[in-house]
């Protein structure tokens, strides 16, 4: 097994463990709330990446001028 595959398997196992822990502590509603929080965070990060890409393009254009 390649190193990247081992890391991926370990990450999925850890994520499954965290999900199970949330379910045990908070029940189904806790899991659904956590999913919503992560979806909001994901959108925030996507917007941040888009903003950084635009800034990078602008800086490259200025540098080329």
PDB file of N, CA and C in Angstrom:
ATOM      1  N   UNK A   1       0.861  -1.188   0.000  1.00  0.00           N
ATOM      2  CA  UNK A   1       0.000   0.000   0.000  1.00  0.00           C
ATOM      3  C   UNK A   1       0.899   1.240   0.000  1.00  0.00           C
ATOM      4  N   UNK A   2       0.573   2.207  -0.822  1.00  0.00           N
ATOM      5  CA  UNK A   2       1.344   3.442  -0.898  1.00  0.00           C
ATOM      6  C   UNK A   2       1.112   4.283   0.352  1.00  0.00           C
ATOM      7  N   UNK A   3       2.062   5.146   0.639  1.00  0.00           N
ATOM      8  CA  UNK A   3       1.977   6.017   1.821  1.00  0.00           C
ATOM      9  C   UNK A   3       0.705   6.865   1.801  1.00  0.00           C
ATOM     10  N   UNK A   4       0.363   7.437   0.624  1.00  0.00           N
ATOM     11  CA  UNK A   4      -0.838   8.275   0.533  1.00  0.00           C
ATOM     12  C   UNK A   4      -2.097   7.481   0.860  1.00  0.00           C
ATOM     13  N   UNK A   5      -2.145   6.217   0.410  1.00  0.00           N
ATOM     14  CA  UNK A   5      -3.302   5.373   0.698  1.00  0.00           C
ATOM     15  C   UNK A   5      -3.406   5.090   2.189  1.00  0.00           C
ATOM     16  N   UNK A   6      -2.273   4.823   2.832  1.00  0.00           N
ATOM     17  CA  UNK A   6      -2.284   4.572   4.285  1.00  0.00           C
ATOM     18  C   UNK A   6      -2.760   5.794   5.041  1.00  0.00           C
ATOM     19  N   UNK A   7      -2.314   6.969   4.623  1.00  0.00           N
ATOM     20  CA  UNK A   7      -2.738   8.210   5.275  1.00  0.00           C
ATOM     21  C   UNK A   7      -4.238   8.400   5.084  1.00  0.00           C
ATOM     22  N   UNK A   8      -4.738   8.147   3.863  1.00  0.00           N
ATOM     23  CA  UNK A   8      -6.166   8.280   3.586  1.00  0.00           C
ATOM     24  C   UNK A   8      -6.996   7.339   4.438  1.00  0.00           C
ATOM     25  N   UNK A   9      -6.550   6.086   4.568  1.00  0.00           N
ATOM     26  CA  UNK A   9      -7.269   5.111   5.387  1.00  0.00           C
ATOM     27  C   UNK A   9      -7.262   5.548   6.847  1.00  0.00           C
ATOM     28  N   UNK A  10      -6.132   6.015   7.331  1.00  0.00           N
ATOM     29  CA  UNK A  10      -6.043   6.469   8.717  1.00  0.00           C
ATOM     30  C   UNK A  10      -6.939   7.679   8.964  1.00  0.00           C
ATOM     31  N   UNK A  11      -6.972   8.601   8.007  1.00  0.00           N
ATOM     32  CA  UNK A  11      -7.814   9.793   8.154  1.00  0.00           C
ATOM     33  C   UNK A  11      -9.285   9.410   8.177  1.00  0.00           C
ATOM     34  N   UNK A  12      -9.668   8.481   7.290  1.00  0.00           N
ATOM     35  CA  UNK A  12     -11.077   8.050   7.280  1.00  0.00           C
ATOM     36  C   UNK A  12     -11.428   7.353   8.583  1.00  0.00           C
ATOM     37  N   UNK A  13     -10.536   6.531   9.105  1.00  0.00           N
ATOM     38  CA  UNK A  13     -10.785   5.858  10.381  1.00  0.00           C
ATOM     39  C   UNK A  13     -10.942   6.863  11.506  1.00  0.00           C
ATOM     40  N   UNK A  14     -10.081   7.870  11.518  1.00  0.00           N
ATOM     41  CA  UNK A  14     -10.170   8.907  12.554  1.00  0.00           C
ATOM     42  C   UNK A  14     -11.472   9.675  12.424  1.00  0.00           C
ATOM     43  N   UNK A  15     -11.857  10.013  11.190  1.00  0.00           N
ATOM     44  CA  UNK A  15     -13.104  10.745  10.971  1.00  0.00           C
ATOM     45  C   UNK A  15     -14.298   9.908  11.403  1.00  0.00           C
ATOM     46  N   UNK A  16     -14.272   8.607  11.109  1.00  0.00           N
ATOM     47  CA  UNK A  16     -15.358   7.728  11.539  1.00  0.00           C
ATOM     48  C   UNK A  16     -15.449   7.692  13.055  1.00  0.00           C
ATOM     49  N   UNK A  17     -14.300   7.658  13.713  1.00  0.00           N
ATOM     50  CA  UNK A  17     -14.283   7.648  15.178  1.00  0.00           C
ATOM     51  C   UNK A  17     -14.852   8.926  15.757  1.00  0.00           C
ATOM     52  N   UNK A  18     -14.514  10.056  15.161  1.00  0.00           N
ATOM     53  CA  UNK A  18     -15.041  11.344  15.627  1.00  0.00           C
ATOM     54  C   UNK A  18     -16.547  11.391  15.431  1.00  0.00           C
ATOM     55  N   UNK A  19     -17.006  10.941  14.258  1.00  0.00           N
ATOM     56  CA  UNK A  19     -18.439  10.908  13.988  1.00  0.00           C
ATOM     57  C   UNK A  19     -19.182  10.040  14.979  1.00  0.00           C
ATOM     58  N   UNK A  20     -18.621   8.901  15.304  1.00  0.00           N
ATOM     59  CA  UNK A  20     -19.247   8.010  16.281  1.00  0.00           C
ATOM     60  C   UNK A  20     -19.265   8.641  17.663  1.00  0.00           C
ATOM     61  N   UNK A  21     -18.186   9.339  18.019  1.00  0.00           N
ATOM     62  CA  UNK A  21     -18.131  10.000  19.323  1.00  0.00           C
ATOM     63  C   UNK A  21     -19.193  11.092  19.423  1.00  0.00           C
ATOM     64  N   UNK A  22     -19.355  11.882  18.362  1.00  0.00           N
ATOM     65  CA  UNK A  22     -20.382  12.935  18.357  1.00  0.00           C
ATOM     66  C   UNK A  22     -21.756  12.305  18.498  1.00  0.00           C
ATOM     67  N   UNK A  23     -21.985  11.211  17.769  1.00  0.00           N
ATOM     68  CA  UNK A  23     -23.272  10.534  17.828  1.00  0.00           C
ATOM     69  C   UNK A  23     -23.552  10.038  19.246  1.00  0.00           C
ATOM     70  N   UNK A  24     -22.556   9.455  19.900  1.00  0.00           N
ATOM     71  CA  UNK A  24     -22.742   8.954  21.260  1.00  0.00           C
ATOM     72  C   UNK A  24     -23.021  10.074  22.249  1.00  0.00           C
ATOM     73  N   UNK A  25     -22.327  11.187  22.102  1.00  0.00           N
ATOM     74  CA  UNK A  25     -22.458  12.280  23.061  1.00  0.00           C
ATOM     75  C   UNK A  25     -23.709  13.106  22.807  1.00  0.00           C
ATOM     76  N   UNK A  26     -23.986  13.427  21.549  1.00  0.00           N
ATOM     77  CA  UNK A  26     -25.047  14.369  21.236  1.00  0.00           C
ATOM     78  C   UNK A  26     -26.263  13.755  20.557  1.00  0.00           C
ATOM     79  N   UNK A  27     -26.191  12.530  20.172  1.00  0.00           N
ATOM     80  CA  UNK A  27     -27.294  11.909  19.468  1.00  0.00           C
ATOM     81  C   UNK A  27     -27.359  12.379  18.028  1.00  0.00           C
ATOM     82  N   UNK A  28     -28.406  11.968  17.347  1.00  0.00           N
ATOM     83  CA  UNK A  28     -28.551  12.271  15.923  1.00  0.00           C
ATOM     84  C   UNK A  28     -28.613  13.780  15.666  1.00  0.00           C
ATOM     85  N   UNK A  29     -29.298  14.527  16.521  1.00  0.00           N
ATOM     86  CA  UNK A  29     -29.404  15.980  16.339  1.00  0.00           C
ATOM     87  C   UNK A  29     -28.030  16.632  16.405  1.00  0.00           C
ATOM     88  N   UNK A  30     -27.157  16.131  17.268  1.00  0.00           N
ATOM     89  CA  UNK A  30     -25.804  16.669  17.378  1.00  0.00           C
ATOM     90  C   UNK A  30     -25.003  16.454  16.111  1.00  0.00           C
ATOM     91  N   UNK A  31     -25.183  15.288  15.510  1.00  0.00           N
ATOM     92  CA  UNK A  31     -24.476  14.985  14.258  1.00  0.00           C
ATOM     93  C   UNK A  31     -24.977  15.905  13.157  1.00  0.00           C
ATOM     94  N   UNK A  32     -26.288  16.071  13.059  1.00  0.00           N
ATOM     95  CA  UNK A  32     -26.851  16.931  12.016  1.00  0.00           C
ATOM     96  C   UNK A  32     -26.412  18.380  12.200  1.00  0.00           C
ATOM     97  N   UNK A  33     -26.339  18.843  13.434  1.00  0.00           N
ATOM     98  CA  UNK A  33     -25.874  20.214  13.707  1.00  0.00           C
ATOM     99  C   UNK A  33     -24.410  20.363  13.301  1.00  0.00           C
ATOM    100  N   UNK A  34     -23.606  19.353  13.613  1.00  0.00           N
ATOM    101  CA  UNK A  34     -22.185  19.403  13.260  1.00  0.00           C
ATOM    102  C   UNK A  34     -22.009  19.418  11.739  1.00  0.00           C
ATOM    103  N   UNK A  35     -22.829  18.651  11.033  1.00  0.00           N
ATOM    104  CA  UNK A  35     -22.771  18.643   9.570  1.00  0.00           C
ATOM    105  C   UNK A  35     -23.087  20.036   9.044  1.00  0.00           C
ATOM    106  N   UNK A  36     -24.110  20.680   9.596  1.00  0.00           N
ATOM    107  CA  UNK A  36     -24.451  22.043   9.161  1.00  0.00           C
ATOM    108  C   UNK A  36     -23.289  23.005   9.431  1.00  0.00           C
ATOM    109  N   UNK A  37     -22.679  22.890  10.610  1.00  0.00           N
ATOM    110  CA  UNK A  37     -21.537  23.756  10.929  1.00  0.00           C
ATOM    111  C   UNK A  37     -20.402  23.551   9.931  1.00  0.00           C
ATOM    112  N   UNK A  38     -20.124  22.304   9.599  1.00  0.00           N
ATOM    113  CA  UNK A  38     -19.042  22.010   8.662  1.00  0.00           C
ATOM    114  C   UNK A  38     -19.375  22.493   7.255  1.00  0.00           C
ATOM    115  N   UNK A  39     -20.638  22.416   6.859  1.00  0.00           N
ATOM    116  CA  UNK A  39     -21.033  22.928   5.544  1.00  0.00           C
ATOM    117  C   UNK A  39     -20.835  24.435   5.464  1.00  0.00           C
ATOM    118  N   UNK A  40     -21.181  25.150   6.542  1.00  0.00           N
ATOM    119  CA  UNK A  40     -20.977  26.606   6.574  1.00  0.00           C
ATOM    120  C   UNK A  40     -19.487  26.924   6.519  1.00  0.00           C
ATOM    121  N   UNK A  41     -18.697  26.190   7.280  1.00  0.00           N
ATOM    122  CA  UNK A  41     -17.245  26.405   7.278  1.00  0.00           C
ATOM    123  C   UNK A  41     -16.656  26.098   5.902  1.00  0.00           C
ATOM    124  N   UNK A  42     -17.148  25.057   5.256  1.00  0.00           N
ATOM    125  CA  UNK A  42     -16.685  24.703   3.921  1.00  0.00           C
ATOM    126  C   UNK A  42     -16.963  25.836   2.935  1.00  0.00           C
ATOM    127  N   UNK A  43     -18.156  26.406   2.970  1.00  0.00           N
ATOM    128  CA  UNK A  43     -18.484  27.532   2.093  1.00  0.00           C
ATOM    129  C   UNK A  43     -17.587  28.731   2.364  1.00  0.00           C
ATOM    130  N   UNK A  44     -17.348  29.009   3.643  1.00  0.00           N
ATOM    131  CA  UNK A  44     -16.470  30.121   4.006  1.00  0.00           C
ATOM    132  C   UNK A  44     -15.072  29.912   3.425  1.00  0.00           C
ATOM    133  N   UNK A  45     -14.572  28.701   3.547  1.00  0.00           N
ATOM    134  CA  UNK A  45     -13.235  28.413   3.035  1.00  0.00           C
ATOM    135  C   UNK A  45     -13.193  28.462   1.508  1.00  0.00           C
ATOM    136  N   UNK A  46     -14.260  28.014   0.842  1.00  0.00           N
ATOM    137  CA  UNK A  46     -14.314  28.103  -0.618  1.00  0.00           C
ATOM    138  C   UNK A  46     -14.273  29.556  -1.065  1.00  0.00           C
ATOM    139  N   UNK A  47     -14.996  30.422  -0.382  1.00  0.00           N
ATOM    140  CA  UNK A  47     -14.975  31.852  -0.731  1.00  0.00           C
ATOM    141  C   UNK A  47     -13.592  32.453  -0.485  1.00  0.00           C
ATOM    142  N   UNK A  48     -12.968  32.054   0.599  1.00  0.00           N
ATOM    143  CA  UNK A  48     -11.628  32.547   0.904  1.00  0.00           C
ATOM    144  C   UNK A  48     -10.640  32.132  -0.180  1.00  0.00           C
ATOM    145  N   UNK A  49     -10.702  30.882  -0.615  1.00  0.00           N
ATOM    146  CA  UNK A  49      -9.805  30.400  -1.669  1.00  0.00           C
ATOM    147  C   UNK A  49     -10.044  31.187  -2.956  1.00  0.00           C
ATOM    148  N   UNK A  50     -11.319  31.401  -3.305  1.00  0.00           N
ATOM    149  CA  UNK A  50     -11.638  32.169  -4.519  1.00  0.00           C
ATOM    150  C   UNK A  50     -11.073  33.581  -4.423  1.00  0.00           C
ATOM    151  N   UNK A  51     -11.226  34.204  -3.265  1.00  0.00           N
ATOM    152  CA  UNK A  51     -10.701  35.556  -3.061  1.00  0.00           C
ATOM    153  C   UNK A  51      -9.177  35.583  -3.190  1.00  0.00           C
ATOM    154  N   UNK A  52      -8.516  34.596  -2.619  1.00  0.00           N
ATOM    155  CA  UNK A  52      -7.053  34.534  -2.707  1.00  0.00           C
ATOM    156  C   UNK A  52      -6.584  34.296  -4.140  1.00  0.00           C
ATOM    157  N   UNK A  53      -7.312  33.475  -4.890  1.00  0.00           N
ATOM    158  CA  UNK A  53      -6.954  33.251  -6.296  1.00  0.00           C
ATOM    159  C   UNK A  53      -7.081  34.536  -7.102  1.00  0.00           C
ATOM    160  N   UNK A  54      -8.143  35.299  -6.859  1.00  0.00           N
ATOM    161  CA  UNK A  54      -8.300  36.578  -7.557  1.00  0.00           C
ATOM    162  C   UNK A  54      -7.187  37.552  -7.206  1.00  0.00           C
ATOM    163  N   UNK A  55      -6.843  37.628  -5.918  1.00  0.00           N
ATOM    164  CA  UNK A  55      -5.736  38.513  -5.513  1.00  0.00           C
ATOM    165  C   UNK A  55      -4.437  38.085  -6.176  1.00  0.00           C
ATOM    166  N   UNK A  56      -4.214  36.790  -6.248  1.00  0.00           N
ATOM    167  CA  UNK A  56      -3.008  36.270  -6.871  1.00  0.00           C
ATOM    168  C   UNK A  56      -2.953  36.668  -8.343  1.00  0.00           C
ATOM    169  N   UNK A  57      -4.079  36.540  -9.043  1.00  0.00           N
ATOM    170  CA  UNK A  57      -4.129  36.941 -10.458  1.00  0.00           C
ATOM    171  C   UNK A  57      -3.827  38.425 -10.612  1.00  0.00           C
ATOM    172  N   UNK A  58      -4.422  39.245  -9.745  1.00  0.00           N
ATOM    173  CA  UNK A  58      -4.179  40.698  -9.825  1.00  0.00           C
ATOM    174  C   UNK A  58      -2.711  41.020  -9.600  1.00  0.00           C
ATOM    175  N   UNK A  59      -2.123  40.383  -8.608  1.00  0.00           N
ATOM    176  CA  UNK A  59      -0.703  40.641  -8.320  1.00  0.00           C
ATOM    177  C   UNK A  59       0.190  40.191  -9.485  1.00  0.00           C
ATOM    178  N   UNK A  60      -0.140  39.090 -10.095  1.00  0.00           N
ATOM    179  CA  UNK A  60       0.655  38.614 -11.241  1.00  0.00           C
ATOM    180  C   UNK A  60       0.534  39.580 -12.415  1.00  0.00           C
ATOM    181  N   UNK A  61      -0.661  40.125 -12.630  1.00  0.00           N
ATOM    182  CA  UNK A  61      -0.839  41.092 -13.724  1.00  0.00           C
ATOM    183  C   UNK A  61      -0.033  42.355 -13.466  1.00  0.00           C
ATOM    184  N   UNK A  62      -0.044  42.833 -12.228  1.00  0.00           N
ATOM    185  CA  UNK A  62       0.720  44.033 -11.870  1.00  0.00           C
ATOM    186  C   UNK A  62       2.210  43.736 -12.045  1.00  0.00           C
ATOM    187  N   UNK A  63       2.633  42.569 -11.643  1.00  0.00           N
ATOM    188  CA  UNK A  63       4.046  42.194 -11.742  1.00  0.00           C
ATOM    189  C   UNK A  63       4.497  42.106 -13.202  1.00  0.00           C
ATOM    190  N   UNK A  64       3.606  41.676 -14.087  1.00  0.00           N
ATOM    191  CA  UNK A  64       3.942  41.560 -15.499  1.00  0.00           C
ATOM    192  C   UNK A  64       3.952  42.900 -16.216  1.00  0.00           C
ATOM    193  N   UNK A  65       3.280  43.876 -15.652  1.00  0.00           N
ATOM    194  CA  UNK A  65       3.189  45.199 -16.293  1.00  0.00           C
ATOM    195  C   UNK A  65       4.485  45.967 -16.212  1.00  0.00           C
TER     196      UNK A  65
END
